[in-house]
Amino acid sequence: MQRQIIQTAHAPKAIGTYSQAVRVGDTVYVSGQIPLDPASGQLVSGDIEAEIRRVLDNLGAIAQAAGGSLANVVKLNVFLTDLAHFPKVNEIMATYFSEPYPARAAVGVAALPRGARVEMECVLSLA
């Protein structure tokens, strides 16, 4: 199967040697997104809620560029530098996703790029 690189200006540019997403057939693999503002390239400052929403907005923009939406997410991985923020992730996810919810993992990590407190990556099925 042929790979298609997905890229949009509505999500932050890659800050390393990776693509925003790669589509293979009907599956889209979206790279980890931290709360970077796509216009400025700067980390969103403020409370954790603003950071989580920015990450989900970035994922949504990439999903849209791939021809889907967050409704197509079948797997979501969440990385947090403080698992005390996990209830807030659940609360906010309920405003971005509806049942049936995607499969999900949440992992506590020591650090994330650029000092972010949250990062998420996902897999979409466009079938």
N, C-alpha and C. Protein backbone atom coordinates (compact mmCIF):
# COMPACT_ATOMS: atom_id res chain seq x y z
N MET A 1 0.83 -1.19 0.00
CA MET A 1 0.00 0.00 0.00
C MET A 1 0.87 1.25 0.00
N GLN A 2 0.36 2.25 -0.62
CA GLN A 2 1.08 3.51 -0.72
C GLN A 2 0.83 4.37 0.51
N ARG A 3 1.87 5.06 0.93
CA ARG A 3 1.75 5.99 2.06
C ARG A 3 1.44 7.38 1.54
N GLN A 4 0.57 8.07 2.29
CA GLN A 4 0.27 9.47 1.97
C GLN A 4 0.60 10.30 3.20
N ILE A 5 1.42 11.32 3.03
CA ILE A 5 1.78 12.21 4.13
C ILE A 5 0.67 13.24 4.29
N ILE A 6 0.20 13.41 5.51
CA ILE A 6 -0.85 14.38 5.82
C ILE A 6 -0.19 15.59 6.48
N GLN A 7 -0.53 16.77 5.98
CA GLN A 7 0.03 18.00 6.54
C GLN A 7 -1.00 19.10 6.44
N THR A 8 -1.12 19.90 7.50
CA THR A 8 -2.03 21.03 7.50
C THR A 8 -1.41 22.20 8.26
N ALA A 9 -1.72 23.39 7.82
CA ALA A 9 -1.27 24.60 8.52
C ALA A 9 -2.15 24.87 9.74
N HIS A 10 -3.25 24.11 9.89
CA HIS A 10 -4.16 24.31 11.03
C HIS A 10 -3.72 23.55 12.28
N ALA A 11 -2.56 22.90 12.19
CA ALA A 11 -1.93 22.24 13.33
C ALA A 11 -0.46 22.63 13.30
N PRO A 12 0.23 22.50 14.43
CA PRO A 12 1.64 22.91 14.46
C PRO A 12 2.49 22.12 13.47
N LYS A 13 3.46 22.80 12.90
CA LYS A 13 4.44 22.13 12.04
C LYS A 13 5.21 21.14 12.90
N ALA A 14 5.68 20.09 12.27
CA ALA A 14 6.51 19.11 12.98
C ALA A 14 7.76 19.81 13.50
N ILE A 15 8.13 19.49 14.74
CA ILE A 15 9.32 20.11 15.35
C ILE A 15 10.49 19.13 15.37
N GLY A 16 10.42 18.14 14.51
CA GLY A 16 11.48 17.13 14.43
C GLY A 16 11.38 16.37 13.13
N THR A 17 11.99 15.23 13.12
CA THR A 17 12.04 14.40 11.91
C THR A 17 10.84 13.46 11.87
N TYR A 18 9.66 14.03 11.67
CA TYR A 18 8.43 13.25 11.57
C TYR A 18 7.40 14.04 10.79
N SER A 19 6.34 13.36 10.38
CA SER A 19 5.22 13.99 9.68
C SER A 19 4.08 14.18 10.67
N GLN A 20 3.19 15.13 10.41
CA GLN A 20 2.02 15.30 11.27
C GLN A 20 1.21 14.02 11.31
N ALA A 21 1.05 13.37 10.15
CA ALA A 21 0.35 12.10 10.08
C ALA A 21 0.72 11.39 8.79
N VAL A 22 0.50 10.08 8.81
CA VAL A 22 0.73 9.25 7.63
C VAL A 22 -0.50 8.37 7.44
N ARG A 23 -1.02 8.38 6.20
CA ARG A 23 -2.16 7.54 5.87
C ARG A 23 -1.68 6.35 5.05
N VAL A 24 -2.11 5.17 5.47
CA VAL A 24 -1.84 3.94 4.74
C VAL A 24 -3.19 3.25 4.57
N GLY A 25 -3.68 3.20 3.35
CA GLY A 25 -5.01 2.66 3.13
C GLY A 25 -6.04 3.52 3.82
N ASP A 26 -6.88 2.91 4.63
CA ASP A 26 -7.92 3.64 5.36
C ASP A 26 -7.51 3.97 6.80
N THR A 27 -6.23 3.76 7.12
CA THR A 27 -5.74 4.02 8.47
C THR A 27 -4.82 5.23 8.47
N VAL A 28 -5.02 6.12 9.44
CA VAL A 28 -4.19 7.31 9.58
C VAL A 28 -3.52 7.27 10.94
N TYR A 29 -2.21 7.39 10.94
CA TYR A 29 -1.40 7.41 12.15
C TYR A 29 -1.00 8.86 12.41
N VAL A 30 -1.52 9.44 13.48
CA VAL A 30 -1.28 10.85 13.79
C VAL A 30 -0.18 10.95 14.85
N SER A 31 0.84 11.72 14.55
CA SER A 31 1.95 11.92 15.48
C SER A 31 1.50 12.63 16.74
N GLY A 32 2.27 12.46 17.79
CA GLY A 32 1.97 13.11 19.06
C GLY A 32 1.90 14.61 18.91
N GLN A 33 0.87 15.17 19.55
CA GLN A 33 0.66 16.62 19.52
C GLN A 33 0.76 17.16 20.94
N ILE A 34 1.55 18.21 21.09
CA ILE A 34 1.60 18.94 22.36
C ILE A 34 0.83 20.23 22.16
N PRO A 35 0.58 20.99 23.21
CA PRO A 35 -0.27 22.19 23.07
C PRO A 35 0.42 23.38 22.43
N LEU A 36 0.86 23.20 21.18
CA LEU A 36 1.45 24.29 20.44
C LEU A 36 0.37 25.00 19.64
N ASP A 37 0.40 26.32 19.67
CA ASP A 37 -0.50 27.11 18.84
C ASP A 37 0.03 27.04 17.41
N PRO A 38 -0.80 26.62 16.45
CA PRO A 38 -0.31 26.49 15.08
C PRO A 38 0.13 27.81 14.44
N ALA A 39 -0.47 28.92 14.84
CA ALA A 39 -0.13 30.21 14.25
C ALA A 39 1.22 30.72 14.74
N SER A 40 1.46 30.60 16.04
CA SER A 40 2.68 31.16 16.61
C SER A 40 3.79 30.13 16.80
N GLY A 41 3.42 28.86 16.87
CA GLY A 41 4.41 27.82 17.16
C GLY A 41 4.82 27.78 18.61
N GLN A 42 4.12 28.57 19.44
CA GLN A 42 4.45 28.65 20.86
C GLN A 42 3.53 27.76 21.68
N LEU A 43 4.05 27.30 22.82
CA LEU A 43 3.28 26.49 23.74
C LEU A 43 2.16 27.34 24.34
N VAL A 44 0.95 26.78 24.37
CA VAL A 44 -0.18 27.48 24.98
C VAL A 44 0.10 27.59 26.47
N SER A 45 -0.07 28.78 27.01
CA SER A 45 0.14 28.96 28.44
C SER A 45 -1.20 29.08 29.13
N GLY A 46 -1.20 28.82 30.38
CA GLY A 46 -2.45 28.88 31.14
C GLY A 46 -2.69 27.60 31.88
N ASP A 47 -3.95 27.31 32.08
CA ASP A 47 -4.28 26.12 32.86
C ASP A 47 -4.21 24.86 32.01
N ILE A 48 -4.25 23.73 32.67
CA ILE A 48 -4.15 22.45 31.98
C ILE A 48 -5.32 22.25 31.03
N GLU A 49 -6.49 22.81 31.34
CA GLU A 49 -7.64 22.67 30.45
C GLU A 49 -7.35 23.28 29.08
N ALA A 50 -6.74 24.46 29.06
CA ALA A 50 -6.39 25.11 27.79
C ALA A 50 -5.39 24.26 27.01
N GLU A 51 -4.48 23.63 27.71
CA GLU A 51 -3.47 22.79 27.06
C GLU A 51 -4.12 21.54 26.46
N ILE A 52 -4.99 20.90 27.21
CA ILE A 52 -5.67 19.70 26.71
C ILE A 52 -6.52 20.04 25.50
N ARG A 53 -7.26 21.13 25.57
CA ARG A 53 -8.10 21.53 24.43
C ARG A 53 -7.26 21.86 23.19
N ARG A 54 -6.13 22.50 23.37
CA ARG A 54 -5.27 22.82 22.23
C ARG A 54 -4.77 21.53 21.57
N VAL A 55 -4.37 20.56 22.38
CA VAL A 55 -3.91 19.28 21.85
C VAL A 55 -5.02 18.62 21.04
N LEU A 56 -6.23 18.57 21.59
CA LEU A 56 -7.34 17.94 20.89
C LEU A 56 -7.73 18.72 19.63
N ASP A 57 -7.63 20.03 19.68
CA ASP A 57 -7.88 20.85 18.48
C ASP A 57 -6.84 20.53 17.40
N ASN A 58 -5.59 20.38 17.81
CA ASN A 58 -4.53 20.04 16.85
C ASN A 58 -4.80 18.67 16.22
N LEU A 59 -5.16 17.69 17.06
CA LEU A 59 -5.48 16.35 16.52
C LEU A 59 -6.66 16.43 15.56
N GLY A 60 -7.67 17.21 15.92
CA GLY A 60 -8.85 17.36 15.07
C GLY A 60 -8.51 17.98 13.72
N ALA A 61 -7.63 18.97 13.72
CA ALA A 61 -7.23 19.62 12.47
C ALA A 61 -6.50 18.64 11.55
N ILE A 62 -5.67 17.81 12.13
CA ILE A 62 -4.95 16.81 11.34
C ILE A 62 -5.92 15.75 10.83
N ALA A 63 -6.84 15.33 11.68
CA ALA A 63 -7.85 14.35 11.26
C ALA A 63 -8.65 14.90 10.08
N GLN A 64 -9.02 16.16 10.15
CA GLN A 64 -9.78 16.79 9.07
C GLN A 64 -8.95 16.85 7.78
N ALA A 65 -7.67 17.17 7.91
CA ALA A 65 -6.81 17.22 6.73
C ALA A 65 -6.67 15.84 6.08
N ALA A 66 -6.85 14.79 6.88
CA ALA A 66 -6.76 13.42 6.37
C ALA A 66 -8.08 12.95 5.77
N GLY A 67 -9.13 13.78 5.88
CA GLY A 67 -10.43 13.40 5.35
C GLY A 67 -11.37 12.82 6.38
N GLY A 68 -11.06 13.02 7.65
CA GLY A 68 -11.91 12.48 8.72
C GLY A 68 -12.17 13.52 9.78
N SER A 69 -12.39 13.03 10.98
CA SER A 69 -12.62 13.89 12.15
C SER A 69 -12.25 13.09 13.39
N LEU A 70 -12.40 13.71 14.54
CA LEU A 70 -12.13 12.97 15.78
C LEU A 70 -13.08 11.80 15.96
N ALA A 71 -14.21 11.81 15.28
CA ALA A 71 -15.14 10.68 15.34
C ALA A 71 -14.53 9.42 14.72
N ASN A 72 -13.48 9.58 13.91
CA ASN A 72 -12.81 8.44 13.29
C ASN A 72 -11.68 7.87 14.14
N VAL A 73 -11.41 8.47 15.30
CA VAL A 73 -10.33 7.98 16.15
C VAL A 73 -10.73 6.64 16.76
N VAL A 74 -9.87 5.64 16.55
CA VAL A 74 -10.11 4.32 17.13
C VAL A 74 -9.17 4.04 18.29
N LYS A 75 -8.05 4.76 18.37
CA LYS A 75 -7.08 4.58 19.45
C LYS A 75 -6.47 5.93 19.78
N LEU A 76 -6.44 6.25 21.06
CA LEU A 76 -5.87 7.51 21.54
C LEU A 76 -4.90 7.19 22.65
N ASN A 77 -3.69 7.73 22.55
CA ASN A 77 -2.70 7.60 23.62
C ASN A 77 -2.48 8.97 24.23
N VAL A 78 -2.56 9.04 25.55
CA VAL A 78 -2.42 10.29 26.29
C VAL A 78 -1.18 10.17 27.18
N PHE A 79 -0.33 11.16 27.13
CA PHE A 79 0.87 11.22 27.96
C PHE A 79 0.77 12.46 28.84
N LEU A 80 0.92 12.26 30.14
CA LEU A 80 0.80 13.36 31.11
C LEU A 80 2.01 13.38 32.02
N THR A 81 2.51 14.58 32.31
CA THR A 81 3.62 14.68 33.27
C THR A 81 3.11 14.61 34.71
N ASP A 82 1.79 14.74 34.89
CA ASP A 82 1.18 14.63 36.21
C ASP A 82 -0.17 13.93 36.05
N LEU A 83 -0.26 12.69 36.51
CA LEU A 83 -1.50 11.93 36.35
C LEU A 83 -2.66 12.50 37.16
N ALA A 84 -2.40 13.49 38.00
CA ALA A 84 -3.48 14.18 38.70
C ALA A 84 -4.37 14.93 37.71
N HIS A 85 -3.87 15.18 36.50
CA HIS A 85 -4.65 15.85 35.46
C HIS A 85 -5.55 14.89 34.69
N PHE A 86 -5.47 13.59 34.98
CA PHE A 86 -6.24 12.61 34.24
C PHE A 86 -7.75 12.84 34.33
N PRO A 87 -8.32 13.20 35.49
CA PRO A 87 -9.77 13.49 35.52
C PRO A 87 -10.15 14.64 34.59
N LYS A 88 -9.30 15.64 34.45
CA LYS A 88 -9.57 16.76 33.55
C LYS A 88 -9.54 16.28 32.09
N VAL A 89 -8.64 15.36 31.76
CA VAL A 89 -8.60 14.78 30.42
C VAL A 89 -9.94 14.10 30.13
N ASN A 90 -10.42 13.30 31.07
CA ASN A 90 -11.71 12.62 30.89
C ASN A 90 -12.85 13.61 30.68
N GLU A 91 -12.87 14.64 31.49
CA GLU A 91 -13.92 15.65 31.41
C GLU A 91 -13.93 16.33 30.04
N ILE A 92 -12.77 16.72 29.57
CA ILE A 92 -12.67 17.44 28.30
C ILE A 92 -12.89 16.49 27.13
N MET A 93 -12.39 15.27 27.23
CA MET A 93 -12.61 14.29 26.15
C MET A 93 -14.10 14.11 25.88
N ALA A 94 -14.91 14.17 26.92
CA ALA A 94 -16.36 13.98 26.76
C ALA A 94 -16.99 15.09 25.91
N THR A 95 -16.30 16.22 25.76
CA THR A 95 -16.82 17.30 24.92
C THR A 95 -16.30 17.20 23.48
N TYR A 96 -15.30 16.37 23.24
CA TYR A 96 -14.72 16.18 21.91
C TYR A 96 -15.12 14.86 21.26
N PHE A 97 -15.45 13.87 22.08
CA PHE A 97 -15.78 12.53 21.60
C PHE A 97 -17.15 12.13 22.11
N SER A 98 -17.82 11.28 21.34
CA SER A 98 -19.08 10.71 21.81
C SER A 98 -18.97 9.19 21.72
N GLU A 99 -19.90 8.51 22.37
CA GLU A 99 -19.87 7.05 22.37
C GLU A 99 -20.16 6.52 20.98
N PRO A 100 -19.54 5.45 20.56
CA PRO A 100 -18.57 4.67 21.32
C PRO A 100 -17.21 5.38 21.33
N TYR A 101 -16.63 5.50 22.51
CA TYR A 101 -15.35 6.19 22.65
C TYR A 101 -14.23 5.34 22.06
N PRO A 102 -13.13 6.00 21.66
CA PRO A 102 -12.00 5.23 21.15
C PRO A 102 -11.31 4.46 22.28
N ALA A 103 -10.56 3.44 21.90
CA ALA A 103 -9.68 2.79 22.86
C ALA A 103 -8.66 3.83 23.30
N ARG A 104 -8.17 3.70 24.54
CA ARG A 104 -7.27 4.74 25.04
C ARG A 104 -6.28 4.17 26.03
N ALA A 105 -5.11 4.77 26.06
CA ALA A 105 -4.13 4.51 27.10
C ALA A 105 -3.71 5.85 27.67
N ALA A 106 -3.44 5.89 28.96
CA ALA A 106 -2.93 7.10 29.60
C ALA A 106 -1.66 6.71 30.34
N VAL A 107 -0.60 7.45 30.07
CA VAL A 107 0.71 7.11 30.60
C VAL A 107 1.31 8.32 31.31
N GLY A 108 1.80 8.11 32.50
CA GLY A 108 2.53 9.15 33.21
C GLY A 108 3.98 9.15 32.75
N VAL A 109 4.49 10.32 32.40
CA VAL A 109 5.86 10.44 31.91
C VAL A 109 6.62 11.50 32.70
N ALA A 110 7.94 11.40 32.68
CA ALA A 110 8.75 12.36 33.43
C ALA A 110 8.79 13.73 32.77
N ALA A 111 8.80 13.75 31.45
CA ALA A 111 8.91 15.03 30.73
C ALA A 111 8.38 14.85 29.31
N LEU A 112 7.99 15.98 28.71
CA LEU A 112 7.53 16.01 27.33
C LEU A 112 8.26 17.13 26.60
N PRO A 113 8.26 17.11 25.26
CA PRO A 113 8.95 18.15 24.50
C PRO A 113 8.49 19.56 24.89
N ARG A 114 9.44 20.47 24.89
CA ARG A 114 9.20 21.89 25.15
C ARG A 114 8.55 22.17 26.50
N GLY A 115 8.64 21.23 27.42
CA GLY A 115 8.07 21.45 28.76
C GLY A 115 6.56 21.30 28.81
N ALA A 116 5.96 20.71 27.77
CA ALA A 116 4.50 20.50 27.77
C ALA A 116 4.11 19.57 28.91
N ARG A 117 2.86 19.70 29.33
CA ARG A 117 2.35 18.83 30.40
C ARG A 117 1.46 17.72 29.86
N VAL A 118 1.07 17.83 28.57
CA VAL A 118 0.22 16.81 27.96
C VAL A 118 0.61 16.64 26.49
N GLU A 119 0.54 15.40 26.03
CA GLU A 119 0.74 15.08 24.63
C GLU A 119 -0.23 13.95 24.30
N MET A 120 -0.76 13.97 23.09
CA MET A 120 -1.66 12.90 22.64
C MET A 120 -1.31 12.53 21.20
N GLU A 121 -1.46 11.24 20.91
CA GLU A 121 -1.34 10.73 19.56
C GLU A 121 -2.53 9.82 19.31
N CYS A 122 -2.86 9.59 18.04
CA CYS A 122 -4.03 8.76 17.77
C CYS A 122 -3.92 8.03 16.44
N VAL A 123 -4.81 7.06 16.29
CA VAL A 123 -4.96 6.31 15.05
C VAL A 123 -6.41 6.47 14.62
N LEU A 124 -6.60 6.79 13.34
CA LEU A 124 -7.94 6.95 12.77
C LEU A 124 -8.22 5.82 11.79
N SER A 125 -9.47 5.43 11.72
CA SER A 125 -9.93 4.52 10.69
C SER A 125 -10.92 5.26 9.82
N LEU A 126 -10.62 5.38 8.53
CA LEU A 126 -11.49 6.11 7.62
C LEU A 126 -12.38 5.16 6.82
N ALA A 127 -12.36 3.90 7.17
CA ALA A 127 -13.18 2.91 6.45
C ALA A 127 -14.64 3.05 6.82
